[in-house]
Protein backbone atom coordinates (compact mmCIF):
# COMPACT_ATOMS: atom_id res chain seq x y z
CA UNK A 1 6.05 -33.08 8.28
CA UNK A 2 4.57 -31.36 5.11
CA UNK A 3 1.93 -29.92 7.06
CA UNK A 4 4.47 -28.12 9.32
CA UNK A 5 6.54 -27.00 6.41
CA UNK A 6 3.47 -25.30 4.71
CA UNK A 7 2.41 -23.64 7.88
CA UNK A 8 5.87 -22.17 8.64
CA UNK A 9 6.18 -21.07 4.97
CA UNK A 10 2.84 -19.37 4.88
CA UNK A 11 3.45 -17.76 8.29
CA UNK A 12 6.85 -16.37 7.34
CA UNK A 13 5.84 -15.17 3.95
CA UNK A 14 2.67 -13.60 5.49
CA UNK A 15 4.93 -11.81 8.07
CA UNK A 16 7.20 -10.41 5.24
CA UNK A 17 4.11 -9.35 3.22
CA UNK A 18 2.44 -7.50 6.05
CA UNK A 19 5.76 -5.50 6.62
CA UNK A 20 6.18 -4.75 2.83
CA UNK A 21 4.14 -2.70 0.44
CA UNK A 22 4.85 -4.96 -2.52
CA UNK A 23 1.62 -6.31 -3.85
CA UNK A 24 3.37 -9.37 -5.47
CA UNK A 25 4.50 -10.52 -1.91
CA UNK A 26 1.01 -10.10 -0.58
CA UNK A 27 -0.37 -12.23 -3.36
CA UNK A 28 2.18 -14.96 -2.81
CA UNK A 29 1.38 -14.99 0.83
CA UNK A 30 -2.38 -15.34 0.09
CA UNK A 31 -1.57 -18.23 -2.29
CA UNK A 32 0.51 -19.96 0.41
CA UNK A 33 -2.64 -19.90 2.61
CA UNK A 34 -4.68 -21.34 -0.19
CA UNK A 35 -2.06 -24.04 -0.66
CA UNK A 36 -2.40 -24.81 3.09
CA UNK A 37 -6.19 -24.91 2.46
CA UNK A 38 -5.98 -27.52 -0.29
CA UNK A 39 -3.50 -29.66 1.80
CA UNK A 40 -5.73 -29.53 4.88
CA UNK A 41 -8.87 -30.32 2.75
CA UNK A 42 -7.48 -33.72 1.67
CA UNK A 43 -5.23 -34.40 4.66
CA UNK A 44 -6.82 -33.46 8.03
CA UNK A 45 -4.22 -33.37 10.71
CA UNK A 46 -3.98 -36.07 13.42
CA UNK A 47 -7.20 -36.87 15.10
CA UNK A 48 -9.38 -34.41 13.33
CA UNK A 49 -11.93 -36.22 11.32
CA UNK A 50 -12.73 -35.08 7.68
CA UNK A 51 -15.86 -32.95 7.65
CA UNK A 52 -16.02 -32.28 11.36
CA UNK A 53 -16.59 -28.80 12.58
CA UNK A 54 -12.98 -28.40 13.51
CA UNK A 55 -11.88 -29.47 10.13
CA UNK A 56 -14.30 -27.04 8.56
CA UNK A 57 -13.17 -24.28 10.91
CA UNK A 58 -9.54 -24.89 9.99
CA UNK A 59 -10.44 -24.66 6.36
CA UNK A 60 -12.40 -21.40 6.86
CA UNK A 61 -9.51 -19.85 8.80
CA UNK A 62 -7.06 -20.68 6.03
CA UNK A 63 -9.23 -19.19 3.39
CA UNK A 64 -9.85 -16.05 5.60
CA UNK A 65 -6.13 -15.52 5.96
CA UNK A 66 -5.44 -15.92 2.22
CA UNK A 67 -8.23 -13.47 1.40
CA UNK A 68 -7.10 -10.90 4.04
CA UNK A 69 -3.64 -10.70 2.95
CA UNK A 70 -4.51 -10.32 -0.85
CA UNK A 71 -7.30 -7.73 -0.09
CA UNK A 72 -4.71 -5.93 2.16
CA UNK A 73 -2.52 -5.69 -0.77
CA UNK A 74 -5.32 -4.24 -2.97
CA UNK A 75 -6.20 -1.74 -0.27
CA UNK A 76 -2.79 -0.04 -0.11
CA UNK A 77 -2.65 3.43 -0.91
CA UNK A 78 -6.27 3.98 0.21
CA UNK A 79 -6.84 7.48 1.51
CA UNK A 80 -9.98 9.07 2.84
CA UNK A 81 -10.62 12.71 3.65
CA UNK A 82 -12.95 13.77 6.46
CA UNK A 83 -13.99 17.35 7.13
CA UNK A 84 -14.99 17.99 10.72
CA UNK A 85 -16.65 21.34 11.84
CA UNK A 86 -15.10 22.37 15.17
CA UNK A 87 -16.45 25.58 16.57
CA UNK A 88 -17.47 26.92 13.30
CA UNK A 89 -14.15 25.99 11.76
CA UNK A 90 -13.59 23.32 9.14
CA UNK A 91 -10.86 21.12 9.91
CA UNK A 92 -9.69 18.45 7.27
CA UNK A 93 -8.43 15.07 8.40
CA UNK A 94 -6.68 12.66 6.14
CA UNK A 95 -6.17 9.02 6.83
CA UNK A 96 -3.80 6.81 4.87
CA UNK A 97 -5.55 4.39 2.68
CA UNK A 98 -7.13 4.86 -0.84
CA UNK A 99 -5.28 7.63 -2.76
CA UNK A 100 -6.65 8.61 -6.12
CA UNK A 101 -4.12 9.30 -9.11
CA UNK A 102 -3.92 12.97 -10.11
CA UNK A 103 -5.83 12.26 -13.23
CA UNK A 104 -8.78 11.03 -11.29
CA UNK A 105 -9.22 14.01 -9.07
CA UNK A 106 -11.87 16.50 -9.58
CA UNK A 107 -9.49 19.44 -9.44
CA UNK A 108 -8.46 20.61 -12.83
CA UNK A 109 -6.45 23.55 -14.05
CA UNK A 110 -9.77 25.19 -15.18
CA UNK A 111 -10.90 25.09 -11.33
CA UNK A 112 -7.77 27.25 -10.45
CA UNK A 113 -7.91 31.06 -10.87
CA UNK A 114 -5.59 32.64 -13.48
CA UNK A 115 -3.72 34.47 -10.62
CA UNK A 116 -3.15 31.09 -8.83
CA UNK A 117 -1.79 29.57 -12.11
CA UNK A 118 0.49 32.37 -12.69
CA UNK A 119 1.72 32.33 -9.01
CA UNK A 120 2.34 28.48 -9.21
CA UNK A 121 4.29 28.87 -12.64
CA UNK A 122 6.29 31.91 -11.45
CA UNK A 123 7.30 29.90 -8.17
CA UNK A 124 8.28 26.81 -10.06
CA UNK A 125 10.29 28.86 -12.63
CA UNK A 126 12.20 30.64 -9.83
CA UNK A 127 12.96 27.38 -8.01
CA UNK A 128 14.25 26.03 -11.45
CA UNK A 129 16.36 29.18 -11.99
CA UNK A 130 17.89 28.82 -8.42
CA UNK A 131 18.73 25.20 -8.96
CA UNK A 132 20.49 25.84 -12.27
CA UNK A 133 22.43 28.85 -10.49
CA UNK A 134 23.46 26.61 -7.73
CA UNK A 135 24.59 23.83 -10.00
CA UNK A 136 26.35 26.24 -12.47
CA UNK A 137 28.38 27.85 -9.52
CA UNK A 138 29.13 24.63 -7.71
CA UNK A 139 30.54 23.25 -10.99
CA UNK A 140 32.89 26.15 -11.39
CA UNK A 141 34.24 25.88 -7.98
CA UNK A 142 34.98 22.22 -8.31
CA UNK A 143 36.78 22.68 -11.63
CA UNK A 144 39.18 25.41 -10.65
CA UNK A 145 37.57 27.93 -8.50
CA UNK A 146 37.04 30.64 -11.13
């Protein structure tokens, strides 16, 4: 009965962790499989003899599931970039996965031309001013319509 409870718990928490991006849940599901490993190591089920190939296979499978779930949690946010040349044109392809934080990227403000910096700054200032105008005018109409 304990074996069934541990298996059901590990399966349910594993399903939830695969559907979620929360690393803590993936870690807990991996630990549930390790608990199942420890239980099976000392208490082989039914007619399975301790140390037999079937018993060893069950232990390897439980360790594999546990490691898979924990490592899947570590690999979230991984992003790779592939550049492919098609008919002399370079096409960039991104796949979800490992994504570097901005401070680790090679692009710095020194790599951007002064014109590009000025254009980005002007665009962001124009957007900010437009947001302020929108907020100011919507506030007036709500208070009394002046």
